[in-house]
mmCIF file of all heavy atoms, coordinates in Angstrom:
data_MODEL
# 
_entry.id   MODEL 
# 
loop_
_atom_site.group_PDB 
_atom_site.id 
_atom_site.type_symbol 
_atom_site.label_atom_id 
_atom_site.label_alt_id 
_atom_site.label_comp_id 
_atom_site.label_asym_id 
_atom_site.label_entity_id 
_atom_site.label_seq_id 
_atom_site.pdbx_PDB_ins_code 
_atom_site.Cartn_x 
_atom_site.Cartn_y 
_atom_site.Cartn_z 
_atom_site.occupancy 
_atom_site.B_iso_or_equiv 
_atom_site.pdbx_formal_charge 
_atom_site.auth_seq_id 
_atom_site.auth_comp_id 
_atom_site.auth_asym_id 
_atom_site.auth_atom_id 
_atom_site.pdbx_PDB_model_num 
ATOM 1   N N   . SER A 1 1  ? -207.197 -41.865 187.884 1.00 0.00 ? 1  SER A N   1 
ATOM 2   C CA  . SER A 1 1  ? -207.452 -40.571 188.593 1.00 0.00 ? 1  SER A CA  1 
ATOM 3   C C   . SER A 1 1  ? -208.518 -40.719 189.622 1.00 0.00 ? 1  SER A C   1 
ATOM 4   O O   . SER A 1 1  ? -209.400 -41.679 189.583 1.00 0.00 ? 1  SER A O   1 
ATOM 5   C CB  . SER A 1 1  ? -207.868 -39.504 187.548 1.00 0.00 ? 1  SER A CB  1 
ATOM 6   O OG  . SER A 1 1  ? -206.804 -39.305 186.636 1.00 0.00 ? 1  SER A OG  1 
ATOM 7   N N   . GLY A 1 2  ? -208.533 -39.786 190.532 1.00 0.00 ? 2  GLY A N   1 
ATOM 8   C CA  . GLY A 1 2  ? -209.574 -39.722 191.593 1.00 0.00 ? 2  GLY A CA  1 
ATOM 9   C C   . GLY A 1 2  ? -210.797 -38.921 191.150 1.00 0.00 ? 2  GLY A C   1 
ATOM 10  O O   . GLY A 1 2  ? -210.957 -38.669 189.932 1.00 0.00 ? 2  GLY A O   1 
ATOM 11  N N   . VAL A 1 3  ? -211.533 -38.478 192.103 1.00 0.00 ? 3  VAL A N   1 
ATOM 12  C CA  . VAL A 1 3  ? -212.785 -37.745 191.815 1.00 0.00 ? 3  VAL A CA  1 
ATOM 13  C C   . VAL A 1 3  ? -212.532 -36.482 191.000 1.00 0.00 ? 3  VAL A C   1 
ATOM 14  O O   . VAL A 1 3  ? -213.262 -36.157 190.085 1.00 0.00 ? 3  VAL A O   1 
ATOM 15  C CB  . VAL A 1 3  ? -213.504 -37.402 193.139 1.00 0.00 ? 3  VAL A CB  1 
ATOM 16  C CG1 . VAL A 1 3  ? -214.713 -36.576 192.904 1.00 0.00 ? 3  VAL A CG1 1 
ATOM 17  C CG2 . VAL A 1 3  ? -213.933 -38.672 193.849 1.00 0.00 ? 3  VAL A CG2 1 
ATOM 18  N N   . ALA A 1 4  ? -211.441 -35.743 191.359 1.00 0.00 ? 4  ALA A N   1 
ATOM 19  C CA  . ALA A 1 4  ? -211.163 -34.536 190.661 1.00 0.00 ? 4  ALA A CA  1 
ATOM 20  C C   . ALA A 1 4  ? -210.887 -34.755 189.168 1.00 0.00 ? 4  ALA A C   1 
ATOM 21  O O   . ALA A 1 4  ? -211.392 -34.044 188.317 1.00 0.00 ? 4  ALA A O   1 
ATOM 22  C CB  . ALA A 1 4  ? -209.941 -33.839 191.282 1.00 0.00 ? 4  ALA A CB  1 
ATOM 23  N N   . GLY A 1 5  ? -210.158 -35.804 188.851 1.00 0.00 ? 5  GLY A N   1 
ATOM 24  C CA  . GLY A 1 5  ? -209.895 -36.120 187.481 1.00 0.00 ? 5  GLY A CA  1 
ATOM 25  C C   . GLY A 1 5  ? -211.113 -36.590 186.742 1.00 0.00 ? 5  GLY A C   1 
ATOM 26  O O   . GLY A 1 5  ? -211.348 -36.234 185.554 1.00 0.00 ? 5  GLY A O   1 
ATOM 27  N N   . LEU A 1 6  ? -211.962 -37.350 187.393 1.00 0.00 ? 6  LEU A N   1 
ATOM 28  C CA  . LEU A 1 6  ? -213.164 -37.893 186.742 1.00 0.00 ? 6  LEU A CA  1 
ATOM 29  C C   . LEU A 1 6  ? -214.277 -36.826 186.617 1.00 0.00 ? 6  LEU A C   1 
ATOM 30  O O   . LEU A 1 6  ? -215.265 -37.092 186.035 1.00 0.00 ? 6  LEU A O   1 
ATOM 31  C CB  . LEU A 1 6  ? -213.686 -39.088 187.556 1.00 0.00 ? 6  LEU A CB  1 
ATOM 32  C CG  . LEU A 1 6  ? -212.752 -40.294 187.601 1.00 0.00 ? 6  LEU A CG  1 
ATOM 33  C CD1 . LEU A 1 6  ? -213.349 -41.400 188.447 1.00 0.00 ? 6  LEU A CD1 1 
ATOM 34  C CD2 . LEU A 1 6  ? -212.431 -40.824 186.176 1.00 0.00 ? 6  LEU A CD2 1 
ATOM 35  N N   . SER A 1 7  ? -214.000 -35.685 187.165 1.00 0.00 ? 7  SER A N   1 
ATOM 36  C CA  . SER A 1 7  ? -214.950 -34.551 187.061 1.00 0.00 ? 7  SER A CA  1 
ATOM 37  C C   . SER A 1 7  ? -214.920 -34.006 185.641 1.00 0.00 ? 7  SER A C   1 
ATOM 38  O O   . SER A 1 7  ? -215.798 -33.244 185.248 1.00 0.00 ? 7  SER A O   1 
ATOM 39  C CB  . SER A 1 7  ? -214.607 -33.437 188.049 1.00 0.00 ? 7  SER A CB  1 
ATOM 40  O OG  . SER A 1 7  ? -214.763 -33.912 189.368 1.00 0.00 ? 7  SER A OG  1 
ATOM 41  N N   . GLY A 1 8  ? -213.858 -34.305 184.897 1.00 0.00 ? 8  GLY A N   1 
ATOM 42  C CA  . GLY A 1 8  ? -213.770 -33.839 183.550 1.00 0.00 ? 8  GLY A CA  1 
ATOM 43  C C   . GLY A 1 8  ? -213.570 -32.327 183.480 1.00 0.00 ? 8  GLY A C   1 
ATOM 44  O O   . GLY A 1 8  ? -213.001 -31.740 184.420 1.00 0.00 ? 8  GLY A O   1 
ATOM 45  N N   . MET A 1 9  ? -213.952 -31.730 182.436 1.00 0.00 ? 9  MET A N   1 
ATOM 46  C CA  . MET A 1 9  ? -213.779 -30.292 182.199 1.00 0.00 ? 9  MET A CA  1 
ATOM 47  C C   . MET A 1 9  ? -215.021 -29.528 182.768 1.00 0.00 ? 9  MET A C   1 
ATOM 48  O O   . MET A 1 9  ? -216.118 -29.944 182.525 1.00 0.00 ? 9  MET A O   1 
ATOM 49  C CB  . MET A 1 9  ? -213.600 -29.965 180.759 1.00 0.00 ? 9  MET A CB  1 
ATOM 50  C CG  . MET A 1 9  ? -212.318 -30.472 180.195 1.00 0.00 ? 9  MET A CG  1 
ATOM 51  S SD  . MET A 1 9  ? -212.137 -30.140 178.414 1.00 0.00 ? 9  MET A SD  1 
ATOM 52  C CE  . MET A 1 9  ? -213.265 -31.360 177.717 1.00 0.00 ? 9  MET A CE  1 
ATOM 53  N N   . ASP A 1 10 ? -214.797 -28.461 183.444 1.00 0.00 ? 10 ASP A N   1 
ATOM 54  C CA  . ASP A 1 10 ? -215.892 -27.605 183.926 1.00 0.00 ? 10 ASP A CA  1 
ATOM 55  C C   . ASP A 1 10 ? -216.313 -26.672 182.802 1.00 0.00 ? 10 ASP A C   1 
ATOM 56  O O   . ASP A 1 10 ? -215.554 -26.384 181.873 1.00 0.00 ? 10 ASP A O   1 
ATOM 57  C CB  . ASP A 1 10 ? -215.391 -26.771 185.156 1.00 0.00 ? 10 ASP A CB  1 
ATOM 58  C CG  . ASP A 1 10 ? -216.580 -26.206 185.949 1.00 0.00 ? 10 ASP A CG  1 
ATOM 59  O OD1 . ASP A 1 10 ? -217.734 -26.345 185.513 1.00 0.00 ? 10 ASP A OD1 1 
ATOM 60  O OD2 . ASP A 1 10 ? -216.323 -25.559 186.940 1.00 0.00 ? 10 ASP A OD2 1 
ATOM 61  N N   . ALA A 1 11 ? -217.547 -26.155 182.880 1.00 0.00 ? 11 ALA A N   1 
ATOM 62  C CA  . ALA A 1 11 ? -218.055 -25.191 181.887 1.00 0.00 ? 11 ALA A CA  1 
ATOM 63  C C   . ALA A 1 11 ? -217.165 -23.944 181.901 1.00 0.00 ? 11 ALA A C   1 
ATOM 64  O O   . ALA A 1 11 ? -217.079 -23.275 180.839 1.00 0.00 ? 11 ALA A O   1 
ATOM 65  C CB  . ALA A 1 11 ? -219.506 -24.855 182.100 1.00 0.00 ? 11 ALA A CB  1 
ATOM 66  N N   . ALA A 1 12 ? -216.632 -23.605 183.006 1.00 0.00 ? 12 ALA A N   1 
ATOM 67  C CA  . ALA A 1 12 ? -215.826 -22.392 183.123 1.00 0.00 ? 12 ALA A CA  1 
ATOM 68  C C   . ALA A 1 12 ? -214.873 -22.519 184.320 1.00 0.00 ? 12 ALA A C   1 
ATOM 69  O O   . ALA A 1 12 ? -215.258 -23.071 185.361 1.00 0.00 ? 12 ALA A O   1 
ATOM 70  C CB  . ALA A 1 12 ? -216.602 -21.130 183.252 1.00 0.00 ? 12 ALA A CB  1 
ATOM 71  N N   . ASN A 1 13 ? -213.657 -22.061 184.186 1.00 0.00 ? 13 ASN A N   1 
ATOM 72  C CA  . ASN A 1 13 ? -212.740 -22.084 185.315 1.00 0.00 ? 13 ASN A CA  1 
ATOM 73  C C   . ASN A 1 13 ? -211.574 -21.139 185.060 1.00 0.00 ? 13 ASN A C   1 
ATOM 74  O O   . ASN A 1 13 ? -211.366 -20.696 183.904 1.00 0.00 ? 13 ASN A O   1 
ATOM 75  C CB  . ASN A 1 13 ? -212.174 -23.498 185.521 1.00 0.00 ? 13 ASN A CB  1 
ATOM 76  C CG  . ASN A 1 13 ? -211.271 -23.953 184.416 1.00 0.00 ? 13 ASN A CG  1 
ATOM 77  O OD1 . ASN A 1 13 ? -211.737 -24.275 183.353 1.00 0.00 ? 13 ASN A OD1 1 
ATOM 78  N ND2 . ASN A 1 13 ? -209.976 -23.976 184.637 1.00 0.00 ? 13 ASN A ND2 1 
ATOM 79  N N   . ARG A 1 14 ? -210.893 -20.778 186.127 1.00 0.00 ? 14 ARG A N   1 
ATOM 80  C CA  . ARG A 1 14 ? -209.684 -19.936 186.013 1.00 0.00 ? 14 ARG A CA  1 
ATOM 81  C C   . ARG A 1 14 ? -208.479 -20.885 186.175 1.00 0.00 ? 14 ARG A C   1 
ATOM 82  O O   . ARG A 1 14 ? -208.498 -21.796 187.024 1.00 0.00 ? 14 ARG A O   1 
ATOM 83  C CB  . ARG A 1 14 ? -209.675 -18.852 187.090 1.00 0.00 ? 14 ARG A CB  1 
ATOM 84  C CG  . ARG A 1 14 ? -210.833 -17.877 186.927 1.00 0.00 ? 14 ARG A CG  1 
ATOM 85  C CD  . ARG A 1 14 ? -210.690 -16.684 187.874 1.00 0.00 ? 14 ARG A CD  1 
ATOM 86  N NE  . ARG A 1 14 ? -211.914 -15.878 187.924 1.00 0.00 ? 14 ARG A NE  1 
ATOM 87  C CZ  . ARG A 1 14 ? -212.281 -15.059 187.004 1.00 0.00 ? 14 ARG A CZ  1 
ATOM 88  N NH1 . ARG A 1 14 ? -211.528 -14.803 185.989 1.00 0.00 ? 14 ARG A NH1 1 
ATOM 89  N NH2 . ARG A 1 14 ? -213.444 -14.374 187.150 1.00 0.00 ? 14 ARG A NH2 1 
ATOM 90  N N   . ALA A 1 15 ? -207.470 -20.653 185.418 1.00 0.00 ? 15 ALA A N   1 
ATOM 91  C CA  . ALA A 1 15 ? -206.279 -21.493 185.444 1.00 0.00 ? 15 ALA A CA  1 
ATOM 92  C C   . ALA A 1 15 ? -205.033 -20.635 185.315 1.00 0.00 ? 15 ALA A C   1 
ATOM 93  O O   . ALA A 1 15 ? -204.381 -20.626 184.276 1.00 0.00 ? 15 ALA A O   1 
ATOM 94  C CB  . ALA A 1 15 ? -206.324 -22.553 184.330 1.00 0.00 ? 15 ALA A CB  1 
ATOM 95  N N   . PRO A 1 16 ? -204.741 -19.829 186.386 1.00 0.00 ? 16 PRO A N   1 
ATOM 96  C CA  . PRO A 1 16 ? -203.638 -18.887 186.261 1.00 0.00 ? 16 PRO A CA  1 
ATOM 97  C C   . PRO A 1 16 ? -202.292 -19.524 186.034 1.00 0.00 ? 16 PRO A C   1 
ATOM 98  O O   . PRO A 1 16 ? -201.395 -18.976 185.299 1.00 0.00 ? 16 PRO A O   1 
ATOM 99  C CB  . PRO A 1 16 ? -203.640 -18.196 187.648 1.00 0.00 ? 16 PRO A CB  1 
ATOM 100 C CG  . PRO A 1 16 ? -204.424 -19.088 188.521 1.00 0.00 ? 16 PRO A CG  1 
ATOM 101 C CD  . PRO A 1 16 ? -205.451 -19.734 187.625 1.00 0.00 ? 16 PRO A CD  1 
ATOM 102 N N   . ASP A 1 17 ? -202.076 -20.764 186.516 1.00 0.00 ? 17 ASP A N   1 
ATOM 103 C CA  . ASP A 1 17 ? -200.816 -21.443 186.312 1.00 0.00 ? 17 ASP A CA  1 
ATOM 104 C C   . ASP A 1 17 ? -200.641 -21.830 184.863 1.00 0.00 ? 17 ASP A C   1 
ATOM 105 O O   . ASP A 1 17 ? -199.558 -21.849 184.261 1.00 0.00 ? 17 ASP A O   1 
ATOM 106 C CB  . ASP A 1 17 ? -200.681 -22.717 187.151 1.00 0.00 ? 17 ASP A CB  1 
ATOM 107 C CG  . ASP A 1 17 ? -200.583 -22.369 188.653 1.00 0.00 ? 17 ASP A CG  1 
ATOM 108 O OD1 . ASP A 1 17 ? -200.167 -21.242 188.916 1.00 0.00 ? 17 ASP A OD1 1 
ATOM 109 O OD2 . ASP A 1 17 ? -200.979 -23.221 189.478 1.00 0.00 ? 17 ASP A OD2 1 
ATOM 110 N N   . LEU A 1 18 ? -201.761 -22.150 184.172 1.00 0.00 ? 18 LEU A N   1 
ATOM 111 C CA  . LEU A 1 18 ? -201.731 -22.578 182.786 1.00 0.00 ? 18 LEU A CA  1 
ATOM 112 C C   . LEU A 1 18 ? -201.720 -21.386 181.821 1.00 0.00 ? 18 LEU A C   1 
ATOM 113 O O   . LEU A 1 18 ? -200.982 -21.359 180.863 1.00 0.00 ? 18 LEU A O   1 
ATOM 114 C CB  . LEU A 1 18 ? -203.005 -23.465 182.512 1.00 0.00 ? 18 LEU A CB  1 
ATOM 115 C CG  . LEU A 1 18 ? -203.028 -24.173 181.160 1.00 0.00 ? 18 LEU A CG  1 
ATOM 116 C CD1 . LEU A 1 18 ? -201.886 -25.210 181.078 1.00 0.00 ? 18 LEU A CD1 1 
ATOM 117 C CD2 . LEU A 1 18 ? -204.388 -24.863 181.007 1.00 0.00 ? 18 LEU A CD2 1 
ATOM 118 N N   . LEU A 1 19 ? -202.539 -20.359 182.191 1.00 0.00 ? 19 LEU A N   1 
ATOM 119 C CA  . LEU A 1 19 ? -202.729 -19.244 181.309 1.00 0.00 ? 19 LEU A CA  1 
ATOM 120 C C   . LEU A 1 19 ? -201.855 -18.034 181.661 1.00 0.00 ? 19 LEU A C   1 
ATOM 121 O O   . LEU A 1 19 ? -201.751 -17.093 180.860 1.00 0.00 ? 19 LEU A O   1 
ATOM 122 C CB  . LEU A 1 19 ? -204.216 -18.770 181.300 1.00 0.00 ? 19 LEU A CB  1 
ATOM 123 C CG  . LEU A 1 19 ? -205.217 -19.813 180.745 1.00 0.00 ? 19 LEU A CG  1 
ATOM 124 C CD1 . LEU A 1 19 ? -206.611 -19.456 181.199 1.00 0.00 ? 19 LEU A CD1 1 
ATOM 125 C CD2 . LEU A 1 19 ? -205.132 -19.888 179.248 1.00 0.00 ? 19 LEU A CD2 1 
ATOM 126 N N   . GLY A 1 20 ? -201.257 -18.057 182.875 1.00 0.00 ? 20 GLY A N   1 
ATOM 127 C CA  . GLY A 1 20 ? -200.436 -16.961 183.316 1.00 0.00 ? 20 GLY A CA  1 
ATOM 128 C C   . GLY A 1 20 ? -201.205 -15.704 183.562 1.00 0.00 ? 20 GLY A C   1 
ATOM 129 O O   . GLY A 1 20 ? -200.676 -14.577 183.435 1.00 0.00 ? 20 GLY A O   1 
ATOM 130 N N   . ASN A 1 21 ? -202.462 -15.798 183.896 1.00 0.00 ? 21 ASN A N   1 
ATOM 131 C CA  . ASN A 1 21 ? -203.356 -14.623 184.026 1.00 0.00 ? 21 ASN A CA  1 
ATOM 132 C C   . ASN A 1 21 ? -204.439 -14.983 185.049 1.00 0.00 ? 21 ASN A C   1 
ATOM 133 O O   . ASN A 1 21 ? -205.339 -15.789 184.818 1.00 0.00 ? 21 ASN A O   1 
ATOM 134 C CB  . ASN A 1 21 ? -204.009 -14.296 182.650 1.00 0.00 ? 21 ASN A CB  1 
ATOM 135 C CG  . ASN A 1 21 ? -204.787 -12.984 182.687 1.00 0.00 ? 21 ASN A CG  1 
ATOM 136 O OD1 . ASN A 1 21 ? -205.190 -12.513 183.706 1.00 0.00 ? 21 ASN A OD1 1 
ATOM 137 N ND2 . ASN A 1 21 ? -204.969 -12.451 181.503 1.00 0.00 ? 21 ASN A ND2 1 
ATOM 138 N N   . GLU A 1 22 ? -204.345 -14.369 186.200 1.00 0.00 ? 22 GLU A N   1 
ATOM 139 C CA  . GLU A 1 22 ? -205.300 -14.589 187.300 1.00 0.00 ? 22 GLU A CA  1 
ATOM 140 C C   . GLU A 1 22 ? -206.677 -14.087 187.017 1.00 0.00 ? 22 GLU A C   1 
ATOM 141 O O   . GLU A 1 22 ? -207.702 -14.620 187.569 1.00 0.00 ? 22 GLU A O   1 
ATOM 142 C CB  . GLU A 1 22 ? -204.830 -14.000 188.596 1.00 0.00 ? 22 GLU A CB  1 
ATOM 143 C CG  . GLU A 1 22 ? -203.501 -14.626 189.119 1.00 0.00 ? 22 GLU A CG  1 
ATOM 144 C CD  . GLU A 1 22 ? -203.092 -14.079 190.491 1.00 0.00 ? 22 GLU A CD  1 
ATOM 145 O OE1 . GLU A 1 22 ? -203.762 -13.127 190.940 1.00 0.00 ? 22 GLU A OE1 1 
ATOM 146 O OE2 . GLU A 1 22 ? -202.120 -14.555 191.028 1.00 0.00 ? 22 GLU A OE2 1 
ATOM 147 N N   . ASP A 1 23 ? -206.848 -13.079 186.203 1.00 0.00 ? 23 ASP A N   1 
ATOM 148 C CA  . ASP A 1 23 ? -208.130 -12.474 185.964 1.00 0.00 ? 23 ASP A CA  1 
ATOM 149 C C   . ASP A 1 23 ? -208.900 -13.095 184.757 1.00 0.00 ? 23 ASP A C   1 
ATOM 150 O O   . ASP A 1 23 ? -210.021 -12.777 184.515 1.00 0.00 ? 23 ASP A O   1 
ATOM 151 C CB  . ASP A 1 23 ? -207.967 -10.967 185.636 1.00 0.00 ? 23 ASP A CB  1 
ATOM 152 C CG  . ASP A 1 23 ? -207.385 -10.220 186.842 1.00 0.00 ? 23 ASP A CG  1 
ATOM 153 O OD1 . ASP A 1 23 ? -207.736 -10.593 187.978 1.00 0.00 ? 23 ASP A OD1 1 
ATOM 154 O OD2 . ASP A 1 23 ? -206.573 -9.298  186.632 1.00 0.00 ? 23 ASP A OD2 1 
ATOM 155 N N   . LEU A 1 24 ? -208.256 -14.008 184.065 1.00 0.00 ? 24 LEU A N   1 
ATOM 156 C CA  . LEU A 1 24 ? -208.810 -14.593 182.880 1.00 0.00 ? 24 LEU A CA  1 
ATOM 157 C C   . LEU A 1 24 ? -209.714 -15.775 183.181 1.00 0.00 ? 24 LEU A C   1 
ATOM 158 O O   . LEU A 1 24 ? -209.280 -16.746 183.831 1.00 0.00 ? 24 LEU A O   1 
ATOM 159 C CB  . LEU A 1 24 ? -207.720 -15.024 181.883 1.00 0.00 ? 24 LEU A CB  1 
ATOM 160 C CG  . LEU A 1 24 ? -208.142 -15.606 180.514 1.00 0.00 ? 24 LEU A CG  1 
ATOM 161 C CD1 . LEU A 1 24 ? -209.035 -14.657 179.748 1.00 0.00 ? 24 LEU A CD1 1 
ATOM 162 C CD2 . LEU A 1 24 ? -206.918 -15.975 179.752 1.00 0.00 ? 24 LEU A CD2 1 
ATOM 163 N N   . LEU A 1 25 ? -210.927 -15.776 182.660 1.00 0.00 ? 25 LEU A N   1 
ATOM 164 C CA  . LEU A 1 25 ? -211.863 -16.910 182.778 1.00 0.00 ? 25 LEU A CA  1 
ATOM 165 C C   . LEU A 1 25 ? -211.839 -17.693 181.473 1.00 0.00 ? 25 LEU A C   1 
ATOM 166 O O   . LEU A 1 25 ? -212.076 -17.087 180.385 1.00 0.00 ? 25 LEU A O   1 
ATOM 167 C CB  . LEU A 1 25 ? -213.258 -16.460 183.128 1.00 0.00 ? 25 LEU A CB  1 
ATOM 168 C CG  . LEU A 1 25 ? -214.319 -17.576 183.296 1.00 0.00 ? 25 LEU A CG  1 
ATOM 169 C CD1 . LEU A 1 25 ? -214.100 -18.255 184.639 1.00 0.00 ? 25 LEU A CD1 1 
ATOM 170 C CD2 . LEU A 1 25 ? -215.727 -17.007 183.189 1.00 0.00 ? 25 LEU A CD2 1 
ATOM 171 N N   . MET A 1 26 ? -211.663 -18.983 181.531 1.00 0.00 ? 26 MET A N   1 
ATOM 172 C CA  . MET A 1 26 ? -211.726 -19.875 180.327 1.00 0.00 ? 26 MET A CA  1 
ATOM 173 C C   . MET A 1 26 ? -213.025 -20.572 180.367 1.00 0.00 ? 26 MET A C   1 
ATOM 174 O O   . MET A 1 26 ? -213.348 -21.289 181.291 1.00 0.00 ? 26 MET A O   1 
ATOM 175 C CB  . MET A 1 26 ? -210.579 -20.819 180.355 1.00 0.00 ? 26 MET A CB  1 
ATOM 176 C CG  . MET A 1 26 ? -210.499 -21.698 179.104 1.00 0.00 ? 26 MET A CG  1 
ATOM 177 S SD  . MET A 1 26 ? -208.875 -22.498 178.862 1.00 0.00 ? 26 MET A SD  1 
ATOM 178 C CE  . MET A 1 26 ? -208.613 -23.256 180.476 1.00 0.00 ? 26 MET A CE  1 
ATOM 179 N N   . ALA A 1 27 ? -213.841 -20.448 179.303 1.00 0.00 ? 27 ALA A N   1 
ATOM 180 C CA  . ALA A 1 27 ? -215.173 -20.987 179.278 1.00 0.00 ? 27 ALA A CA  1 
ATOM 181 C C   . ALA A 1 27 ? -215.326 -21.960 178.088 1.00 0.00 ? 27 ALA A C   1 
ATOM 182 O O   . ALA A 1 27 ? -214.713 -21.748 177.025 1.00 0.00 ? 27 ALA A O   1 
ATOM 183 C CB  . ALA A 1 27 ? -216.210 -19.859 179.208 1.00 0.00 ? 27 ALA A CB  1 
ATOM 184 N N   . ARG A 1 28 ? -216.226 -22.906 178.247 1.00 0.00 ? 28 ARG A N   1 
ATOM 185 C CA  . ARG A 1 28 ? -216.467 -23.936 177.161 1.00 0.00 ? 28 ARG A CA  1 
ATOM 186 C C   . ARG A 1 28 ? -217.979 -24.041 176.953 1.00 0.00 ? 28 ARG A C   1 
ATOM 187 O O   . ARG A 1 28 ? -218.629 -24.928 177.446 1.00 0.00 ? 28 ARG A O   1 
ATOM 188 C CB  . ARG A 1 28 ? -215.914 -25.279 177.726 1.00 0.00 ? 28 ARG A CB  1 
ATOM 189 C CG  . ARG A 1 28 ? -214.451 -25.192 178.122 1.00 0.00 ? 28 ARG A CG  1 
ATOM 190 C CD  . ARG A 1 28 ? -213.973 -26.482 178.830 1.00 0.00 ? 28 ARG A CD  1 
ATOM 191 N NE  . ARG A 1 28 ? -212.610 -26.334 179.246 1.00 0.00 ? 28 ARG A NE  1 
ATOM 192 C CZ  . ARG A 1 28 ? -212.238 -25.840 180.433 1.00 0.00 ? 28 ARG A CZ  1 
ATOM 193 N NH1 . ARG A 1 28 ? -213.199 -25.384 181.288 1.00 0.00 ? 28 ARG A NH1 1 
ATOM 194 N NH2 . ARG A 1 28 ? -210.987 -25.731 180.755 1.00 0.00 ? 28 ARG A NH2 1 
ATOM 195 N N   . PRO A 1 29 ? -218.530 -23.121 176.183 1.00 0.00 ? 29 PRO A N   1 
ATOM 196 C CA  . PRO A 1 29 ? -219.992 -23.064 175.967 1.00 0.00 ? 29 PRO A CA  1 
ATOM 197 C C   . PRO A 1 29 ? -220.565 -24.203 175.105 1.00 0.00 ? 29 PRO A C   1 
ATOM 198 O O   . PRO A 1 29 ? -221.725 -24.350 174.978 1.00 0.00 ? 29 PRO A O   1 
ATOM 199 C CB  . PRO A 1 29 ? -220.209 -21.705 175.273 1.00 0.00 ? 29 PRO A CB  1 
ATOM 200 C CG  . PRO A 1 29 ? -218.899 -21.396 174.634 1.00 0.00 ? 29 PRO A CG  1 
ATOM 201 C CD  . PRO A 1 29 ? -217.890 -22.001 175.554 1.00 0.00 ? 29 PRO A CD  1 
ATOM 202 N N   . LEU A 1 30 ? -219.695 -25.019 174.481 1.00 0.00 ? 30 LEU A N   1 
ATOM 203 C CA  . LEU A 1 30 ? -220.179 -26.119 173.610 1.00 0.00 ? 30 LEU A CA  1 
ATOM 204 C C   . LEU A 1 30 ? -220.023 -27.455 174.296 1.00 0.00 ? 30 LEU A C   1 
ATOM 205 O O   . LEU A 1 30 ? -220.107 -28.481 173.647 1.00 0.00 ? 30 LEU A O   1 
ATOM 206 C CB  . LEU A 1 30 ? -219.424 -26.115 172.282 1.00 0.00 ? 30 LEU A CB  1 
ATOM 207 C CG  . LEU A 1 30 ? -219.485 -24.853 171.430 1.00 0.00 ? 30 LEU A CG  1 
ATOM 208 C CD1 . LEU A 1 30 ? -218.648 -24.979 170.163 1.00 0.00 ? 30 LEU A CD1 1 
ATOM 209 C CD2 . LEU A 1 30 ? -220.939 -24.551 171.062 1.00 0.00 ? 30 LEU A CD2 1 
ATOM 210 N N   . LEU A 1 31 ? -219.831 -27.463 175.574 1.00 0.00 ? 31 LEU A N   1 
ATOM 211 C CA  . LEU A 1 31 ? -219.503 -28.726 176.306 1.00 0.00 ? 31 LEU A CA  1 
ATOM 212 C C   . LEU A 1 31 ? -220.656 -29.745 176.257 1.00 0.00 ? 31 LEU A C   1 
ATOM 213 O O   . LEU A 1 31 ? -220.438 -30.926 176.419 1.00 0.00 ? 31 LEU A O   1 
ATOM 214 C CB  . LEU A 1 31 ? -219.152 -28.417 177.731 1.00 0.00 ? 31 LEU A CB  1 
ATOM 215 C CG  . LEU A 1 31 ? -218.166 -29.338 178.442 1.00 0.00 ? 31 LEU A CG  1 
ATOM 216 C CD1 . LEU A 1 31 ? -216.912 -29.527 177.598 1.00 0.00 ? 31 LEU A CD1 1 
ATOM 217 C CD2 . LEU A 1 31 ? -217.816 -28.761 179.806 1.00 0.00 ? 31 LEU A CD2 1 
ATOM 218 N N   . THR A 1 32 ? -221.917 -29.319 175.957 1.00 0.00 ? 32 THR A N   1 
ATOM 219 C CA  . THR A 1 32 ? -223.052 -30.199 175.893 1.00 0.00 ? 32 THR A CA  1 
ATOM 220 C C   . THR A 1 32 ? -223.407 -30.533 174.425 1.00 0.00 ? 32 THR A C   1 
ATOM 221 O O   . THR A 1 32 ? -224.371 -31.245 174.184 1.00 0.00 ? 32 THR A O   1 
ATOM 222 C CB  . THR A 1 32 ? -224.282 -29.639 176.550 1.00 0.00 ? 32 THR A CB  1 
ATOM 223 O OG1 . THR A 1 32 ? -224.629 -28.384 175.917 1.00 0.00 ? 32 THR A OG1 1 
ATOM 224 C CG2 . THR A 1 32 ? -223.998 -29.336 178.037 1.00 0.00 ? 32 THR A CG2 1 
ATOM 225 N N   . VAL A 1 33 ? -222.592 -30.075 173.482 1.00 0.00 ? 33 VAL A N   1 
ATOM 226 C CA  . VAL A 1 33 ? -222.884 -30.306 172.060 1.00 0.00 ? 33 VAL A CA  1 
ATOM 227 C C   . VAL A 1 33 ? -221.953 -31.402 171.540 1.00 0.00 ? 33 VAL A C   1 
ATOM 228 O O   . VAL A 1 33 ? -220.715 -31.381 171.777 1.00 0.00 ? 33 VAL A O   1 
ATOM 229 C CB  . VAL A 1 33 ? -222.667 -28.990 171.233 1.00 0.00 ? 33 VAL A CB  1 
ATOM 230 C CG1 . VAL A 1 33 ? -222.971 -29.249 169.776 1.00 0.00 ? 33 VAL A CG1 1 
ATOM 231 C CG2 . VAL A 1 33 ? -223.503 -27.868 171.792 1.00 0.00 ? 33 VAL A CG2 1 
ATOM 232 N N   . SER A 1 34 ? -222.488 -32.359 170.760 1.00 0.00 ? 34 SER A N   1 
ATOM 233 C CA  . SER A 1 34 ? -221.660 -33.442 170.224 1.00 0.00 ? 34 SER A CA  1 
ATOM 234 C C   . SER A 1 34 ? -220.948 -33.014 168.974 1.00 0.00 ? 34 SER A C   1 
ATOM 235 O O   . SER A 1 34 ? -221.321 -32.038 168.304 1.00 0.00 ? 34 SER A O   1 
ATOM 236 C CB  . SER A 1 34 ? -222.545 -34.670 169.912 1.00 0.00 ? 34 SER A CB  1 
ATOM 237 O OG  . SER A 1 34 ? -223.378 -34.379 168.794 1.00 0.00 ? 34 SER A OG  1 
ATOM 238 N N   . ARG A 1 35 ? -219.882 -33.747 168.642 1.00 0.00 ? 35 ARG A N   1 
ATOM 239 C CA  . ARG A 1 35 ? -219.102 -33.457 167.451 1.00 0.00 ? 35 ARG A CA  1 
ATOM 240 C C   . ARG A 1 35 ? -219.998 -33.620 166.180 1.00 0.00 ? 35 ARG A C   1 
ATOM 241 O O   . ARG A 1 35 ? -219.893 -32.852 165.267 1.00 0.00 ? 35 ARG A O   1 
ATOM 242 C CB  . ARG A 1 35 ? -217.890 -34.326 167.321 1.00 0.00 ? 35 ARG A CB  1 
ATOM 243 C CG  . ARG A 1 35 ? -217.036 -34.027 166.043 1.00 0.00 ? 35 ARG A CG  1 
ATOM 244 C CD  . ARG A 1 35 ? -215.749 -34.871 166.044 1.00 0.00 ? 35 ARG A CD  1 
ATOM 245 N NE  . ARG A 1 35 ? -215.051 -34.619 164.784 1.00 0.00 ? 35 ARG A NE  1 
ATOM 246 C CZ  . ARG A 1 35 ? -214.247 -33.582 164.542 1.00 0.00 ? 35 ARG A CZ  1 
ATOM 247 N NH1 . ARG A 1 35 ? -214.032 -32.693 165.517 1.00 0.00 ? 35 ARG A NH1 1 
ATOM 248 N NH2 . ARG A 1 35 ? -213.641 -33.418 163.429 1.00 0.00 ? 35 ARG A NH2 1 
# 
């Protein structure tokens, strides 16, 4: 992958194609916490 793929997951993003909802924000508040 290029730069976009190596960016990994963002802390928050909208993904209308994936979620079918343009107004929905998907957030990952545990992204800095280890398993």
